[in-house]
N, C-alpha and C. Protein backbone atom coordinates (compact mmCIF):
# COMPACT_ATOMS: atom_id res chain seq x y z
N MET A 1 8.80 -21.14 11.04
CA MET A 1 7.68 -21.30 11.90
C MET A 1 7.73 -22.52 12.62
N LYS A 2 8.36 -23.66 12.08
CA LYS A 2 8.63 -24.80 12.26
C LYS A 2 9.55 -24.98 13.31
N SER A 3 10.25 -23.93 13.51
CA SER A 3 11.19 -24.07 14.63
C SER A 3 10.51 -23.26 16.03
N THR A 4 9.68 -22.83 15.80
CA THR A 4 9.19 -22.12 17.05
C THR A 4 8.09 -23.06 17.65
N VAL A 5 7.26 -24.09 16.70
CA VAL A 5 6.43 -24.96 17.44
C VAL A 5 7.40 -25.96 18.19
N LYS A 6 8.59 -26.15 17.42
CA LYS A 6 9.37 -27.38 18.47
C LYS A 6 9.87 -26.49 19.58
N THR A 7 10.56 -25.37 19.64
CA THR A 7 11.02 -24.90 20.50
C THR A 7 9.60 -24.64 21.69
N ALA A 8 8.27 -24.40 21.43
CA ALA A 8 7.28 -24.02 22.45
C ALA A 8 7.22 -25.94 22.64
N LEU A 9 7.19 -26.52 21.93
CA LEU A 9 6.93 -27.99 22.60
C LEU A 9 8.06 -28.43 23.35
N SER A 10 9.13 -28.34 23.33
CA SER A 10 10.19 -28.63 23.88
C SER A 10 10.14 -27.70 25.29
N VAL A 11 9.83 -26.76 25.11
CA VAL A 11 9.72 -25.63 26.93
C VAL A 11 8.27 -26.31 27.34
N VAL A 12 7.54 -26.86 26.67
CA VAL A 12 6.15 -27.20 27.64
C VAL A 12 6.75 -28.54 28.06
N ALA A 13 7.27 -29.55 26.87
CA ALA A 13 8.15 -30.70 27.65
C ALA A 13 8.54 -30.92 28.65
N PHE A 14 9.80 -29.72 28.50
CA PHE A 14 10.41 -29.31 29.74
C PHE A 14 10.21 -28.97 31.09
N THR A 15 9.08 -28.23 30.89
CA THR A 15 8.68 -27.82 32.19
C THR A 15 7.45 -29.02 32.90
N ALA A 16 6.90 -30.12 31.74
CA ALA A 16 6.09 -30.82 32.66
C ALA A 16 7.03 -31.96 33.36
N LEU A 17 8.34 -31.92 32.54
CA LEU A 17 9.13 -33.13 33.36
C LEU A 17 9.73 -32.52 34.42
N ALA A 18 10.31 -31.02 34.40
CA ALA A 18 10.66 -30.55 35.57
C ALA A 18 9.51 -30.43 37.06
N SER A 19 8.54 -30.34 36.44
CA SER A 19 7.31 -30.00 37.65
C SER A 19 7.19 -31.48 38.02
N GLY A 20 7.53 -32.78 37.59
CA GLY A 20 7.35 -33.87 38.05
C GLY A 20 6.11 -34.52 37.84
N CYS A 21 5.51 -33.89 36.85
CA CYS A 21 3.95 -34.24 36.70
C CYS A 21 3.75 -34.70 35.14
N ALA A 22 4.67 -34.79 34.26
CA ALA A 22 4.75 -35.29 33.00
C ALA A 22 4.47 -36.74 32.97
N SER A 23 3.36 -37.01 32.24
CA SER A 23 3.12 -38.48 31.50
C SER A 23 3.38 -38.47 30.14
N THR A 24 3.54 -39.76 29.99
CA THR A 24 3.57 -40.24 28.25
C THR A 24 2.46 -39.43 27.62
N ASP A 25 1.60 -39.96 28.22
CA ASP A 25 0.13 -39.49 27.66
C ASP A 25 0.23 -37.96 27.35
N LYS A 26 0.55 -37.14 28.35
CA LYS A 26 0.55 -35.84 28.39
C LYS A 26 1.32 -34.96 27.43
N ILE A 27 2.69 -35.88 27.43
CA ILE A 27 3.35 -35.58 26.38
C ILE A 27 3.34 -35.40 25.10
N ASP A 28 2.33 -36.79 24.94
CA ASP A 28 1.54 -37.11 23.49
C ASP A 28 0.90 -35.92 23.15
N GLU A 29 0.29 -35.63 24.08
CA GLU A 29 -1.09 -34.74 23.83
C GLU A 29 -0.70 -33.53 23.58
N VAL A 30 0.21 -32.80 23.93
CA VAL A 30 1.11 -31.59 23.89
C VAL A 30 1.94 -31.78 22.16
N ARG A 31 2.33 -32.90 22.12
CA ARG A 31 3.14 -33.17 20.76
C ARG A 31 1.91 -33.18 19.89
N ASN A 32 0.92 -33.78 19.77
CA ASN A 32 -0.02 -33.77 18.79
C ASN A 32 -0.52 -32.49 18.66
N ILE A 33 -0.76 -31.75 19.91
CA ILE A 33 -1.44 -30.22 19.54
C ILE A 33 -0.25 -29.41 18.42
N ALA A 34 0.51 -29.60 19.37
CA ALA A 34 1.90 -28.94 18.25
C ALA A 34 1.91 -29.27 16.87
N GLU A 35 2.04 -30.38 16.61
CA GLU A 35 1.72 -30.89 15.21
C GLU A 35 0.69 -30.50 14.52
N ALA A 36 -0.62 -30.39 15.09
CA ALA A 36 -1.83 -29.75 14.28
C ALA A 36 -1.90 -28.46 14.52
N ALA A 37 -1.03 -27.78 15.16
CA ALA A 37 -0.32 -26.33 15.00
C ALA A 37 -0.07 -26.07 13.64
N GLN A 38 1.15 -27.01 13.56
CA GLN A 38 1.98 -26.85 12.68
C GLN A 38 1.61 -26.68 11.38
N ARG A 39 0.49 -28.06 11.35
CA ARG A 39 -0.22 -28.33 9.90
C ARG A 39 -1.02 -27.14 9.63
N THR A 40 -1.50 -26.53 10.51
CA THR A 40 -2.34 -25.01 10.23
C THR A 40 -1.53 -24.14 9.83
N ALA A 41 -0.55 -24.24 10.21
CA ALA A 41 0.35 -23.06 9.87
C ALA A 41 0.92 -23.31 8.62
N ASN A 42 1.31 -24.60 8.18
CA ASN A 42 1.52 -24.77 6.88
C ASN A 42 0.40 -24.69 6.21
N GLU A 43 -0.72 -24.89 6.09
CA GLU A 43 -1.93 -24.65 5.34
C GLU A 43 -2.02 -23.15 5.33
N ALA A 44 -2.08 -22.37 6.21
CA ALA A 44 -2.34 -20.91 5.91
C ALA A 44 -1.20 -20.37 4.69
N MET A 45 0.05 -20.83 5.37
CA MET A 45 1.22 -20.28 4.45
C MET A 45 0.89 -20.43 2.78
N GLN A 46 0.67 -21.76 2.51
CA GLN A 46 0.14 -21.99 1.33
C GLN A 46 -1.13 -21.39 0.65
N THR A 47 -2.15 -21.12 1.83
CA THR A 47 -3.06 -20.34 1.05
C THR A 47 -2.83 -18.69 0.97
N ALA A 48 -1.97 -18.33 1.97
CA ALA A 48 -1.43 -17.03 1.39
C ALA A 48 -0.60 -16.94 0.35
N SER A 49 0.22 -17.93 -0.19
CA SER A 49 1.24 -17.97 -1.00
C SER A 49 0.16 -17.89 -2.41
N SER A 50 -0.93 -18.63 -2.48
CA SER A 50 -1.58 -18.82 -3.49
C SER A 50 -2.53 -17.65 -3.67
N ALA A 51 -2.73 -16.75 -2.51
CA ALA A 51 -3.39 -15.70 -2.51
C ALA A 51 -2.39 -14.55 -3.11
N GLU A 52 -1.53 -14.31 -2.63
CA GLU A 52 -0.51 -13.70 -3.36
C GLU A 52 -0.44 -13.73 -5.23
N ARG A 53 0.27 -14.95 -5.20
CA ARG A 53 0.18 -15.18 -6.58
C ARG A 53 -1.34 -14.72 -7.54
N LYS A 54 -2.13 -14.87 -6.74
CA LYS A 54 -3.79 -14.20 -7.62
C LYS A 54 -3.74 -12.94 -7.90
N ALA A 55 -3.01 -12.45 -6.59
CA ALA A 55 -3.07 -10.81 -6.47
C ALA A 55 -1.92 -10.35 -7.79
N ASN A 56 -0.75 -11.09 -7.64
CA ASN A 56 -0.13 -10.70 -8.83
C ASN A 56 -0.19 -10.82 -10.12
N GLU A 57 -1.07 -11.61 -10.27
CA GLU A 57 -1.62 -11.93 -11.41
C GLU A 57 -2.92 -10.96 -11.86
N ALA A 58 -3.41 -10.57 -11.02
CA ALA A 58 -4.50 -9.51 -11.16
C ALA A 58 -4.05 -8.15 -11.52
N LYS A 59 -2.84 -7.86 -10.76
CA LYS A 59 -2.38 -6.64 -11.00
C LYS A 59 -1.62 -6.68 -12.47
N ARG A 60 -1.06 -7.58 -12.82
CA ARG A 60 -0.87 -7.66 -14.31
C ARG A 60 -1.94 -7.62 -15.07
N THR A 61 -2.85 -7.85 -14.96
CA THR A 61 -3.81 -8.09 -15.96
C THR A 61 -4.39 -6.63 -15.57
N ALA A 62 -4.67 -5.93 -14.38
CA ALA A 62 -4.94 -4.48 -14.73
C ALA A 62 -3.66 -3.36 -14.76
N ASP A 63 -2.84 -3.89 -14.96
CA ASP A 63 -1.71 -3.02 -15.74
C ASP A 63 -1.67 -2.86 -17.19
N ALA A 64 -1.90 -4.14 -17.60
CA ALA A 64 -2.04 -4.39 -19.04
C ALA A 64 -3.40 -3.66 -19.33
N ALA A 65 -4.67 -3.47 -18.90
CA ALA A 65 -6.08 -3.16 -19.17
C ALA A 65 -5.50 -1.54 -18.83
N MET A 66 -4.76 -0.80 -18.24
CA MET A 66 -4.32 0.57 -18.23
C MET A 66 -3.41 0.79 -19.15
N ARG A 67 -2.47 0.23 -19.79
CA ARG A 67 -1.83 0.50 -20.71
C ARG A 67 -2.59 0.36 -22.09
N SER A 68 -3.57 -0.46 -22.17
CA SER A 68 -4.26 -0.20 -23.44
C SER A 68 -5.45 0.93 -23.30
N ALA A 69 -6.04 1.21 -22.56
CA ALA A 69 -6.93 2.39 -21.93
C ALA A 69 -6.01 3.58 -22.58
N GLU A 70 -4.94 3.77 -21.70
CA GLU A 70 -4.07 4.57 -22.27
C GLU A 70 -3.76 4.80 -23.49
N GLN A 71 -3.18 3.88 -24.31
CA GLN A 71 -3.29 3.81 -25.88
C GLN A 71 -4.37 4.39 -26.78
N ALA A 72 -5.56 3.99 -26.33
CA ALA A 72 -7.01 4.25 -26.61
C ALA A 72 -7.60 5.85 -26.53
N ASN A 73 -7.19 6.30 -25.70
CA ASN A 73 -7.15 7.84 -25.33
C ASN A 73 -6.30 8.50 -26.16
N THR A 74 -4.79 7.98 -26.33
CA THR A 74 -3.91 8.60 -27.01
C THR A 74 -4.41 8.87 -28.56
N LYS A 75 -5.02 7.64 -28.76
CA LYS A 75 -5.44 7.76 -30.56
C LYS A 75 -6.79 8.47 -30.36
N ILE A 76 -7.32 8.12 -29.66
CA ILE A 76 -8.85 9.33 -29.79
C ILE A 76 -8.27 10.84 -29.78
N ASP A 77 -7.46 11.01 -28.80
CA ASP A 77 -6.90 12.33 -28.80
C ASP A 77 -6.34 12.75 -30.21
N ARG A 78 -5.40 12.31 -30.67
CA ARG A 78 -5.11 12.09 -31.87
C ARG A 78 -5.88 12.63 -33.03
N ALA A 79 -6.93 11.62 -32.80
CA ALA A 79 -8.10 11.85 -34.05
C ALA A 79 -8.88 13.00 -33.95
N PHE A 80 -9.29 13.52 -32.70
CA PHE A 80 -9.78 14.34 -32.65
C PHE A 80 -8.96 15.79 -32.91
N GLN A 81 -7.52 15.77 -32.59
CA GLN A 81 -7.02 17.15 -33.13
C GLN A 81 -6.92 16.94 -34.65
N GLU A 82 -6.69 16.14 -34.99
CA GLU A 82 -6.39 15.81 -36.40
C GLU A 82 -8.09 16.59 -37.25
N SER A 83 -9.07 16.20 -36.58
CA SER A 83 -10.42 16.62 -36.82
C SER A 83 -10.61 17.94 -37.02
N MET A 84 -10.24 18.67 -35.50
CA MET A 84 -10.22 20.08 -35.46
C MET A 84 -9.31 20.76 -36.22
N GLN A 85 -8.16 20.17 -37.11
CA GLN A 85 -7.25 21.58 -38.01
C GLN A 85 -7.51 21.13 -39.18
N LYS A 86 -8.78 20.25 -39.47
CA LYS A 86 -9.50 20.52 -40.90
C LYS A 86 -10.50 21.47 -41.11
């Protein structure tokens, strides 16, 4: 993602220079926009990683609950079968 922003910045800067209308202020403005976009992308990546960790934790908890429920059902079925045989 970083390289994409840098590439975009390079293309914009080159285009501005090639057209002869680039000033230091404009290049700095483009750089600032690109850096802000990179920061936003980094924050989004961190948020996504955090969400993924939480989702994985929730899945582990759900899987454990499912195993527990299956064990309880097995015990109940066994107890029912034993009571029916008496």
